[in-house]
Amino acid sequence: MKKKNNSCISFFQRYLTIWVMLCMVLGILIGKYLPGIPAFLNRFEYARVSIPMAILI
């Protein structure tokens, strides 16, 4: 008798590629139309490491 594979892919995992693309587009749009946000985030740097980027990674 064959065992049923119980690996269940969540909604987020199933559409991960779409989420990544949406975030990339959103980042580009923010950089183009709201340049104050990237400029503000660039101020948070320690030892030439971006703190917001370090948190996200």
PDB file of N, CA and C in Angstrom:
ATOM      1  N   MET A   1       0.837  -1.175   0.000  1.00  0.00           N
ATOM      2  CA  MET A   1       0.000   0.000   0.000  1.00  0.00           C
ATOM      3  C   MET A   1       0.890   1.249   0.000  1.00  0.00           C
ATOM      4  N   LYS A   2       0.555   2.195  -0.836  1.00  0.00           N
ATOM      5  CA  LYS A   2       1.324   3.427  -0.969  1.00  0.00           C
ATOM      6  C   LYS A   2       0.934   4.430   0.110  1.00  0.00           C
ATOM      7  N   LYS A   3       1.943   5.067   0.705  1.00  0.00           N
ATOM      8  CA  LYS A   3       1.663   6.098   1.698  1.00  0.00           C
ATOM      9  C   LYS A   3       1.357   7.411   0.991  1.00  0.00           C
ATOM     10  N   LYS A   4       0.426   8.146   1.548  1.00  0.00           N
ATOM     11  CA  LYS A   4       0.073   9.448   0.990  1.00  0.00           C
ATOM     12  C   LYS A   4       1.115  10.473   1.449  1.00  0.00           C
ATOM     13  N   ASN A   5       1.566  11.280   0.517  1.00  0.00           N
ATOM     14  CA  ASN A   5       2.529  12.320   0.826  1.00  0.00           C
ATOM     15  C   ASN A   5       1.799  13.466   1.522  1.00  0.00           C
ATOM     16  N   ASN A   6       2.189  13.754   2.760  1.00  0.00           N
ATOM     17  CA  ASN A   6       1.504  14.769   3.545  1.00  0.00           C
ATOM     18  C   ASN A   6       2.153  16.140   3.448  1.00  0.00           C
ATOM     19  N   SER A   7       3.009  16.356   2.460  1.00  0.00           N
ATOM     20  CA  SER A   7       3.620  17.672   2.324  1.00  0.00           C
ATOM     21  C   SER A   7       2.585  18.634   1.758  1.00  0.00           C
ATOM     22  N   CYS A   8       2.276  19.619   2.548  1.00  0.00           N
ATOM     23  CA  CYS A   8       1.256  20.592   2.167  1.00  0.00           C
ATOM     24  C   CYS A   8       1.940  21.929   1.919  1.00  0.00           C
ATOM     25  N   ILE A   9       1.765  22.449   0.730  1.00  0.00           N
ATOM     26  CA  ILE A   9       2.365  23.726   0.384  1.00  0.00           C
ATOM     27  C   ILE A   9       1.369  24.825   0.730  1.00  0.00           C
ATOM     28  N   SER A  10       1.837  25.796   1.514  1.00  0.00           N
ATOM     29  CA  SER A  10       0.954  26.882   1.928  1.00  0.00           C
ATOM     30  C   SER A  10       0.706  27.837   0.756  1.00  0.00           C
ATOM     31  N   PHE A  11      -0.269  28.684   0.946  1.00  0.00           N
ATOM     32  CA  PHE A  11      -0.621  29.686  -0.065  1.00  0.00           C
ATOM     33  C   PHE A  11       0.586  30.562  -0.373  1.00  0.00           C
ATOM     34  N   PHE A  12       1.284  31.003   0.676  1.00  0.00           N
ATOM     35  CA  PHE A  12       2.460  31.853   0.490  1.00  0.00           C
ATOM     36  C   PHE A  12       3.542  31.125  -0.296  1.00  0.00           C
ATOM     37  N   GLN A  13       3.826  29.883   0.048  1.00  0.00           N
ATOM     38  CA  GLN A  13       4.858  29.110  -0.642  1.00  0.00           C
ATOM     39  C   GLN A  13       4.483  28.837  -2.089  1.00  0.00           C
ATOM     40  N   ARG A  14       3.229  28.559  -2.330  1.00  0.00           N
ATOM     41  CA  ARG A  14       2.784  28.232  -3.685  1.00  0.00           C
ATOM     42  C   ARG A  14       2.989  29.413  -4.631  1.00  0.00           C
ATOM     43  N   TYR A  15       2.778  30.616  -4.145  1.00  0.00           N
ATOM     44  CA  TYR A  15       2.875  31.801  -4.992  1.00  0.00           C
ATOM     45  C   TYR A  15       4.091  32.659  -4.649  1.00  0.00           C
ATOM     46  N   LEU A  16       5.149  32.051  -4.156  1.00  0.00           N
ATOM     47  CA  LEU A  16       6.338  32.784  -3.733  1.00  0.00           C
ATOM     48  C   LEU A  16       6.951  33.594  -4.869  1.00  0.00           C
ATOM     49  N   THR A  17       6.985  33.053  -6.064  1.00  0.00           N
ATOM     50  CA  THR A  17       7.547  33.776  -7.208  1.00  0.00           C
ATOM     51  C   THR A  17       6.762  35.054  -7.466  1.00  0.00           C
ATOM     52  N   ILE A  18       5.455  34.981  -7.360  1.00  0.00           N
ATOM     53  CA  ILE A  18       4.616  36.160  -7.576  1.00  0.00           C
ATOM     54  C   ILE A  18       4.874  37.201  -6.489  1.00  0.00           C
ATOM     55  N   TRP A  19       5.001  36.739  -5.217  1.00  0.00           N
ATOM     56  CA  TRP A  19       5.270  37.683  -4.119  1.00  0.00           C
ATOM     57  C   TRP A  19       6.604  38.400  -4.349  1.00  0.00           C
ATOM     58  N   VAL A  20       7.613  37.654  -4.783  1.00  0.00           N
ATOM     59  CA  VAL A  20       8.927  38.261  -5.018  1.00  0.00           C
ATOM     60  C   VAL A  20       8.841  39.292  -6.137  1.00  0.00           C
ATOM     61  N   MET A  21       8.163  38.955  -7.224  1.00  0.00           N
ATOM     62  CA  MET A  21       8.021  39.903  -8.325  1.00  0.00           C
ATOM     63  C   MET A  21       7.252  41.152  -7.897  1.00  0.00           C
ATOM     64  N   LEU A  22       6.185  40.976  -7.123  1.00  0.00           N
ATOM     65  CA  LEU A  22       5.418  42.126  -6.640  1.00  0.00           C
ATOM     66  C   LEU A  22       6.278  43.028  -5.754  1.00  0.00           C
ATOM     67  N   CYS A  23       7.095  42.435  -4.893  1.00  0.00           N
ATOM     68  CA  CYS A  23       7.972  43.225  -4.029  1.00  0.00           C
ATOM     69  C   CYS A  23       9.018  43.972  -4.849  1.00  0.00           C
ATOM     70  N   MET A  24       9.538  43.347  -5.885  1.00  0.00           N
ATOM     71  CA  MET A  24      10.514  44.024  -6.733  1.00  0.00           C
ATOM     72  C   MET A  24       9.875  45.215  -7.449  1.00  0.00           C
ATOM     73  N   VAL A  25       8.690  45.011  -7.994  1.00  0.00           N
ATOM     74  CA  VAL A  25       7.991  46.101  -8.682  1.00  0.00           C
ATOM     75  C   VAL A  25       7.662  47.215  -7.698  1.00  0.00           C
ATOM     76  N   LEU A  26       7.200  46.848  -6.509  1.00  0.00           N
ATOM     77  CA  LEU A  26       6.881  47.838  -5.493  1.00  0.00           C
ATOM     78  C   LEU A  26       8.127  48.638  -5.104  1.00  0.00           C
ATOM     79  N   GLY A  27       9.261  47.965  -4.955  1.00  0.00           N
ATOM     80  CA  GLY A  27      10.509  48.649  -4.630  1.00  0.00           C
ATOM     81  C   GLY A  27      10.934  49.620  -5.717  1.00  0.00           C
ATOM     82  N   ILE A  28      10.787  49.224  -6.959  1.00  0.00           N
ATOM     83  CA  ILE A  28      11.128  50.108  -8.083  1.00  0.00           C
ATOM     84  C   ILE A  28      10.213  51.324  -8.102  1.00  0.00           C
ATOM     85  N   LEU A  29       8.915  51.101  -7.903  1.00  0.00           N
ATOM     86  CA  LEU A  29       7.960  52.210  -7.902  1.00  0.00           C
ATOM     87  C   LEU A  29       8.208  53.171  -6.745  1.00  0.00           C
ATOM     88  N   ILE A  30       8.531  52.632  -5.575  1.00  0.00           N
ATOM     89  CA  ILE A  30       8.842  53.495  -4.431  1.00  0.00           C
ATOM     90  C   ILE A  30      10.084  54.327  -4.732  1.00  0.00           C
ATOM     91  N   GLY A  31      11.115  53.702  -5.289  1.00  0.00           N
ATOM     92  CA  GLY A  31      12.339  54.431  -5.621  1.00  0.00           C
ATOM     93  C   GLY A  31      12.112  55.518  -6.649  1.00  0.00           C
ATOM     94  N   LYS A  32      11.192  55.276  -7.569  1.00  0.00           N
ATOM     95  CA  LYS A  32      10.946  56.254  -8.638  1.00  0.00           C
ATOM     96  C   LYS A  32      10.023  57.384  -8.186  1.00  0.00           C
ATOM     97  N   TYR A  33       8.929  57.052  -7.514  1.00  0.00           N
ATOM     98  CA  TYR A  33       7.912  58.047  -7.199  1.00  0.00           C
ATOM     99  C   TYR A  33       7.976  58.582  -5.765  1.00  0.00           C
ATOM    100  N   LEU A  34       8.650  57.890  -4.874  1.00  0.00           N
ATOM    101  CA  LEU A  34       8.796  58.346  -3.488  1.00  0.00           C
ATOM    102  C   LEU A  34      10.276  58.283  -3.096  1.00  0.00           C
ATOM    103  N   PRO A  35      11.107  59.110  -3.711  1.00  0.00           N
ATOM    104  CA  PRO A  35      12.556  59.001  -3.472  1.00  0.00           C
ATOM    105  C   PRO A  35      12.975  59.326  -2.038  1.00  0.00           C
ATOM    106  N   GLY A  36      12.103  59.916  -1.261  1.00  0.00           N
ATOM    107  CA  GLY A  36      12.434  60.216   0.126  1.00  0.00           C
ATOM    108  C   GLY A  36      12.562  58.973   0.991  1.00  0.00           C
ATOM    109  N   ILE A  37      11.821  57.933   0.664  1.00  0.00           N
ATOM    110  CA  ILE A  37      11.863  56.709   1.466  1.00  0.00           C
ATOM    111  C   ILE A  37      13.230  56.018   1.362  1.00  0.00           C
ATOM    112  N   PRO A  38      13.758  55.749   0.157  1.00  0.00           N
ATOM    113  CA  PRO A  38      15.096  55.155   0.087  1.00  0.00           C
ATOM    114  C   PRO A  38      16.169  56.065   0.697  1.00  0.00           C
ATOM    115  N   ALA A  39      16.031  57.366   0.505  1.00  0.00           N
ATOM    116  CA  ALA A  39      17.008  58.305   1.075  1.00  0.00           C
ATOM    117  C   ALA A  39      16.984  58.226   2.598  1.00  0.00           C
ATOM    118  N   PHE A  40      15.798  58.112   3.168  1.00  0.00           N
ATOM    119  CA  PHE A  40      15.660  57.990   4.619  1.00  0.00           C
ATOM    120  C   PHE A  40      16.273  56.682   5.115  1.00  0.00           C
ATOM    121  N   LEU A  41      15.981  55.577   4.432  1.00  0.00           N
ATOM    122  CA  LEU A  41      16.503  54.275   4.853  1.00  0.00           C
ATOM    123  C   LEU A  41      18.019  54.185   4.697  1.00  0.00           C
ATOM    124  N   ASN A  42      18.573  54.904   3.732  1.00  0.00           N
ATOM    125  CA  ASN A  42      20.021  54.891   3.526  1.00  0.00           C
ATOM    126  C   ASN A  42      20.775  55.549   4.677  1.00  0.00           C
ATOM    127  N   ARG A  43      20.091  56.335   5.485  1.00  0.00           N
ATOM    128  CA  ARG A  43      20.747  56.977   6.624  1.00  0.00           C
ATOM    129  C   ARG A  43      21.066  55.987   7.735  1.00  0.00           C
ATOM    130  N   PHE A  44      20.406  54.829   7.751  1.00  0.00           N
ATOM    131  CA  PHE A  44      20.623  53.823   8.788  1.00  0.00           C
ATOM    132  C   PHE A  44      21.693  52.839   8.327  1.00  0.00           C
ATOM    133  N   GLU A  45      22.919  53.201   8.619  1.00  0.00           N
ATOM    134  CA  GLU A  45      24.054  52.396   8.177  1.00  0.00           C
ATOM    135  C   GLU A  45      25.068  52.338   9.308  1.00  0.00           C
ATOM    136  N   TYR A  46      25.644  51.170   9.491  1.00  0.00           N
ATOM    137  CA  TYR A  46      26.679  51.001  10.498  1.00  0.00           C
ATOM    138  C   TYR A  46      27.807  50.185   9.879  1.00  0.00           C
ATOM    139  N   ALA A  47      29.009  50.701   9.929  1.00  0.00           N
ATOM    140  CA  ALA A  47      30.190  50.035   9.358  1.00  0.00           C
ATOM    141  C   ALA A  47      29.936  49.655   7.902  1.00  0.00           C
ATOM    142  N   ARG A  48      29.358  50.581   7.148  1.00  0.00           N
ATOM    143  CA  ARG A  48      29.049  50.415   5.728  1.00  0.00           C
ATOM    144  C   ARG A  48      28.076  49.258   5.454  1.00  0.00           C
ATOM    145  N   VAL A  49      27.250  48.928   6.464  1.00  0.00           N
ATOM    146  CA  VAL A  49      26.220  47.892   6.312  1.00  0.00           C
ATOM    147  C   VAL A  49      24.861  48.539   6.540  1.00  0.00           C
ATOM    148  N   SER A  50      23.971  48.365   5.581  1.00  0.00           N
ATOM    149  CA  SER A  50      22.624  48.904   5.695  1.00  0.00           C
ATOM    150  C   SER A  50      21.844  48.111   6.739  1.00  0.00           C
ATOM    151  N   ILE A  51      21.422  48.785   7.802  1.00  0.00           N
ATOM    152  CA  ILE A  51      20.693  48.120   8.879  1.00  0.00           C
ATOM    153  C   ILE A  51      19.344  47.567   8.377  1.00  0.00           C
ATOM    154  N   PRO A  52      18.541  48.329   7.603  1.00  0.00           N
ATOM    155  CA  PRO A  52      17.280  47.750   7.098  1.00  0.00           C
ATOM    156  C   PRO A  52      17.521  46.506   6.235  1.00  0.00           C
ATOM    157  N   MET A  53      18.556  46.532   5.410  1.00  0.00           N
ATOM    158  CA  MET A  53      18.850  45.366   4.573  1.00  0.00           C
ATOM    159  C   MET A  53      19.290  44.186   5.428  1.00  0.00           C
ATOM    160  N   ALA A  54      20.097  44.458   6.447  1.00  0.00           N
ATOM    161  CA  ALA A  54      20.559  43.380   7.333  1.00  0.00           C
ATOM    162  C   ALA A  54      19.377  42.742   8.074  1.00  0.00           C
ATOM    163  N   ILE A  55      18.413  43.553   8.466  1.00  0.00           N
ATOM    164  CA  ILE A  55      17.234  43.013   9.157  1.00  0.00           C
ATOM    165  C   ILE A  55      16.415  42.152   8.210  1.00  0.00           C
ATOM    166  N   LEU A  56      16.243  42.603   6.964  1.00  0.00           N
ATOM    167  CA  LEU A  56      15.429  41.847   6.012  1.00  0.00           C
ATOM    168  C   LEU A  56      16.086  40.536   5.594  1.00  0.00           C
ATOM    169  N   ILE A  57      17.388  40.522   5.550  1.00  0.00           N
ATOM    170  CA  ILE A  57      18.082  39.295   5.159  1.00  0.00           C
ATOM    171  C   ILE A  57      18.072  38.333   6.316  1.00  0.00           C
TER     172      ILE A  57
END
